[in-house]
Protein backbone atom coordinates (compact mmCIF):
# COMPACT_ATOMS: atom_id res chain seq x y z
CA MET A 1 -1.31 154.62 112.12
CA ASP A 2 -3.32 156.01 109.15
CA PHE A 3 -1.99 155.07 105.68
CA ARG A 4 -3.38 156.33 102.51
CA ILE A 5 -2.50 155.70 98.74
CA GLY A 6 -2.86 158.03 96.18
CA PHE A 7 -2.73 157.98 92.18
CA GLY A 8 -1.76 160.81 89.92
CA TYR A 9 -1.46 161.04 86.20
CA ASP A 10 -0.46 164.05 84.07
CA VAL A 11 0.04 164.55 80.12
CA HIS A 12 1.22 167.24 78.04
CA GLN A 13 1.61 167.73 74.32
CA LEU A 14 4.90 168.18 72.96
CA ALA A 15 6.49 170.85 70.81
CA ALA A 16 9.69 171.87 69.16
CA GLY A 17 11.84 174.28 70.98
CA ARG A 18 10.67 173.76 74.29
CA LYS A 19 12.72 172.41 77.39
CA LEU A 20 12.04 169.09 78.68
CA ILE A 21 12.13 168.86 82.40
CA LEU A 22 11.61 165.51 84.47
CA GLY A 23 11.79 165.45 88.02
CA GLY A 24 13.28 168.84 88.29
CA VAL A 25 15.89 167.62 85.71
CA GLU A 26 16.43 169.39 82.27
CA ILE A 27 16.75 166.42 79.62
CA PRO A 28 18.31 167.22 76.14
CA SER A 29 15.40 167.04 74.00
CA GLU A 30 14.53 168.45 70.56
CA LYS A 31 10.95 168.67 72.03
CA GLY A 32 9.35 169.68 75.22
CA PRO A 33 5.90 170.05 76.80
CA VAL A 34 3.46 172.97 76.22
CA ALA A 35 2.33 173.83 79.56
CA HIS A 36 1.31 176.89 81.78
CA SER A 37 4.27 176.09 84.12
CA ASP A 38 7.45 174.40 83.14
CA GLY A 39 5.36 171.17 82.36
CA ASP A 40 7.17 168.64 84.49
CA VAL A 41 4.71 165.86 83.85
CA LEU A 42 6.25 163.65 86.51
CA ILE A 43 6.10 166.12 89.31
CA HIS A 44 2.70 167.03 88.41
CA ALA A 45 1.57 163.23 88.53
CA ILE A 46 3.34 162.94 91.86
CA CYS A 47 1.69 165.94 93.32
CA ASP A 48 -1.91 164.82 92.20
CA ALA A 49 -1.03 161.65 93.72
CA LEU A 50 0.08 163.17 96.93
CA LEU A 51 -3.08 165.61 97.16
CA GLY A 52 -5.28 162.82 96.29
CA ALA A 53 -3.78 160.48 99.10
CA ALA A 54 -4.60 163.44 101.63
CA GLY A 55 -7.92 164.16 100.37
CA LEU A 56 -6.73 167.56 99.52
CA ARG A 57 -8.43 167.76 95.91
CA ASP A 58 -5.82 168.01 92.80
CA ILE A 59 -2.82 170.21 91.47
CA GLY A 60 -5.31 172.14 89.43
CA PHE A 61 -7.30 173.28 92.38
CA HIS A 62 -4.11 174.39 94.14
CA PHE A 63 -2.18 175.66 91.46
CA PRO A 64 -4.65 176.75 88.44
CA ASP A 65 -3.21 177.12 84.97
CA ASN A 66 -5.17 180.61 84.51
CA GLU A 67 -3.00 182.30 87.30
CA SER A 68 -0.40 184.34 86.32
CA GLU A 69 1.25 183.54 89.40
CA PHE A 70 1.99 180.10 88.31
CA LYS A 71 3.03 181.06 84.80
CA GLY A 72 6.39 179.31 84.14
CA ILE A 73 6.77 178.14 87.73
CA SER A 74 9.32 175.63 88.42
CA SER A 75 7.12 172.29 89.24
CA MET A 76 9.71 171.77 92.04
CA ILE A 77 8.27 174.71 93.73
CA ILE A 78 4.90 173.19 93.11
CA LEU A 79 6.27 169.96 94.84
CA GLN A 80 7.55 171.86 97.87
CA LYS A 81 4.05 173.92 98.30
CA THR A 82 2.31 170.41 98.05
CA LEU A 83 4.69 168.74 100.51
CA ASN A 84 3.70 171.81 102.79
CA LEU A 85 0.13 170.94 102.40
CA LEU A 86 0.66 167.35 103.43
CA LYS A 87 2.97 168.35 106.45
CA GLU A 88 0.06 170.76 107.61
CA CYS A 89 -2.25 167.67 107.64
CA GLN A 90 0.84 165.65 109.61
CA TYR A 91 1.09 163.16 106.74
CA LYS A 92 4.56 161.78 105.80
CA VAL A 93 5.59 160.36 102.60
CA GLY A 94 6.11 156.54 102.66
CA ASN A 95 7.06 155.94 99.10
CA ILE A 96 6.37 156.98 95.37
CA ASP A 97 6.33 154.65 92.37
CA THR A 98 6.22 156.49 88.89
CA THR A 99 6.16 155.70 85.17
CA ILE A 100 6.96 158.18 82.52
CA CYS A 101 5.59 157.57 79.26
CA LEU A 102 7.62 158.96 76.23
CA GLN A 103 8.70 157.72 72.79
CA GLN A 104 11.77 160.14 72.57
CA PRO A 105 14.36 160.87 73.71
CA LYS A 106 15.06 157.93 75.96
CA ILE A 107 15.87 158.79 79.37
CA ARG A 108 17.26 155.64 80.69
CA ASP A 109 20.65 157.58 81.68
CA TYR A 110 18.61 160.30 83.86
CA VAL A 111 16.54 158.17 85.73
CA GLY A 112 19.23 157.86 88.68
CA ILE A 113 19.50 161.59 88.83
CA ILE A 114 15.88 162.20 88.79
CA LYS A 115 15.53 159.73 91.77
CA GLU A 116 18.16 161.71 93.73
CA ASN A 117 16.61 165.06 92.93
CA LEU A 118 13.03 163.95 93.92
CA ALA A 119 14.53 162.31 97.14
CA SER A 120 16.30 165.50 98.04
CA ALA A 121 13.09 167.52 97.40
CA ILE A 122 11.09 165.08 99.56
CA LYS A 123 13.77 164.54 102.21
CA THR A 124 13.59 160.60 101.91
CA GLY A 125 15.94 158.09 100.65
CA THR A 126 16.13 157.16 96.81
CA ASP A 127 15.16 153.69 97.87
CA ASN A 128 11.43 155.39 98.61
CA ILE A 129 11.39 156.58 95.10
CA SER A 130 10.74 154.49 91.87
CA VAL A 131 10.94 156.01 88.45
CA LYS A 132 10.47 153.84 85.57
CA ALA A 133 10.52 154.91 81.91
CA THR A 134 8.66 153.43 78.93
CA THR A 135 7.51 154.17 75.32
CA ALA A 136 4.34 153.54 73.57
CA GLU A 137 5.81 151.39 70.99
CA HIS A 138 4.73 154.16 68.50
CA LEU A 139 1.23 153.71 69.32
CA GLY A 140 -0.97 156.61 70.19
CA PHE A 141 -0.23 160.35 70.78
CA VAL A 142 2.97 159.30 72.96
CA GLY A 143 4.17 157.03 70.48
CA LYS A 144 3.77 159.29 67.64
CA GLY A 145 6.03 161.78 69.61
CA LYS A 146 3.16 164.21 69.97
CA GLY A 147 2.98 164.18 74.01
CA ILE A 148 4.24 162.82 77.15
CA ALA A 149 2.58 161.20 80.02
CA ALA A 150 3.40 160.29 83.52
CA TYR A 151 1.64 158.28 86.30
CA ALA A 152 2.43 158.19 90.23
CA VAL A 153 1.30 155.99 93.31
CA VAL A 154 2.09 157.21 96.63
CA LEU A 155 1.70 155.97 99.97
CA ILE A 156 1.51 158.42 102.76
CA SER A 157 0.89 158.03 106.35
CA ARG A 158 0.28 160.00 109.86
CA ASP A 159 0.23 158.91 113.48
CA GLY A 160 -3.11 158.88 114.79
């Protein structure tokens, strides 16, 4: 078996009046990310980790933010396209471990639905998906409510 580990990170500025979408789930919030797509930092970090593990560059290479076809696109579509790229290389997702860094709103009550949504999209069990949330203890751009960040680590494999 060929096992590979990938790491992903994404960050976006937050602004009033924008939707906050994490793992394809809309979270009630006064602020949301400023982004070319829907700004789902969690999925962006996961896609970067998956692409990196497979040696397929990064999300910006495959889905550039200066292309009109990706303007306002759902990150769930980006995730599906990323999974298709991995499938072409005969990779399977083993597990995904993520952390969302956000001061407000608290997302504890949404973690289960986010895990279920991601597991459904990836066609795996929720036991293969970890979604953790943390604040920044009021430090830095996340702690001051100016931004959101997400980290992801993935394990992929293929026979061979």
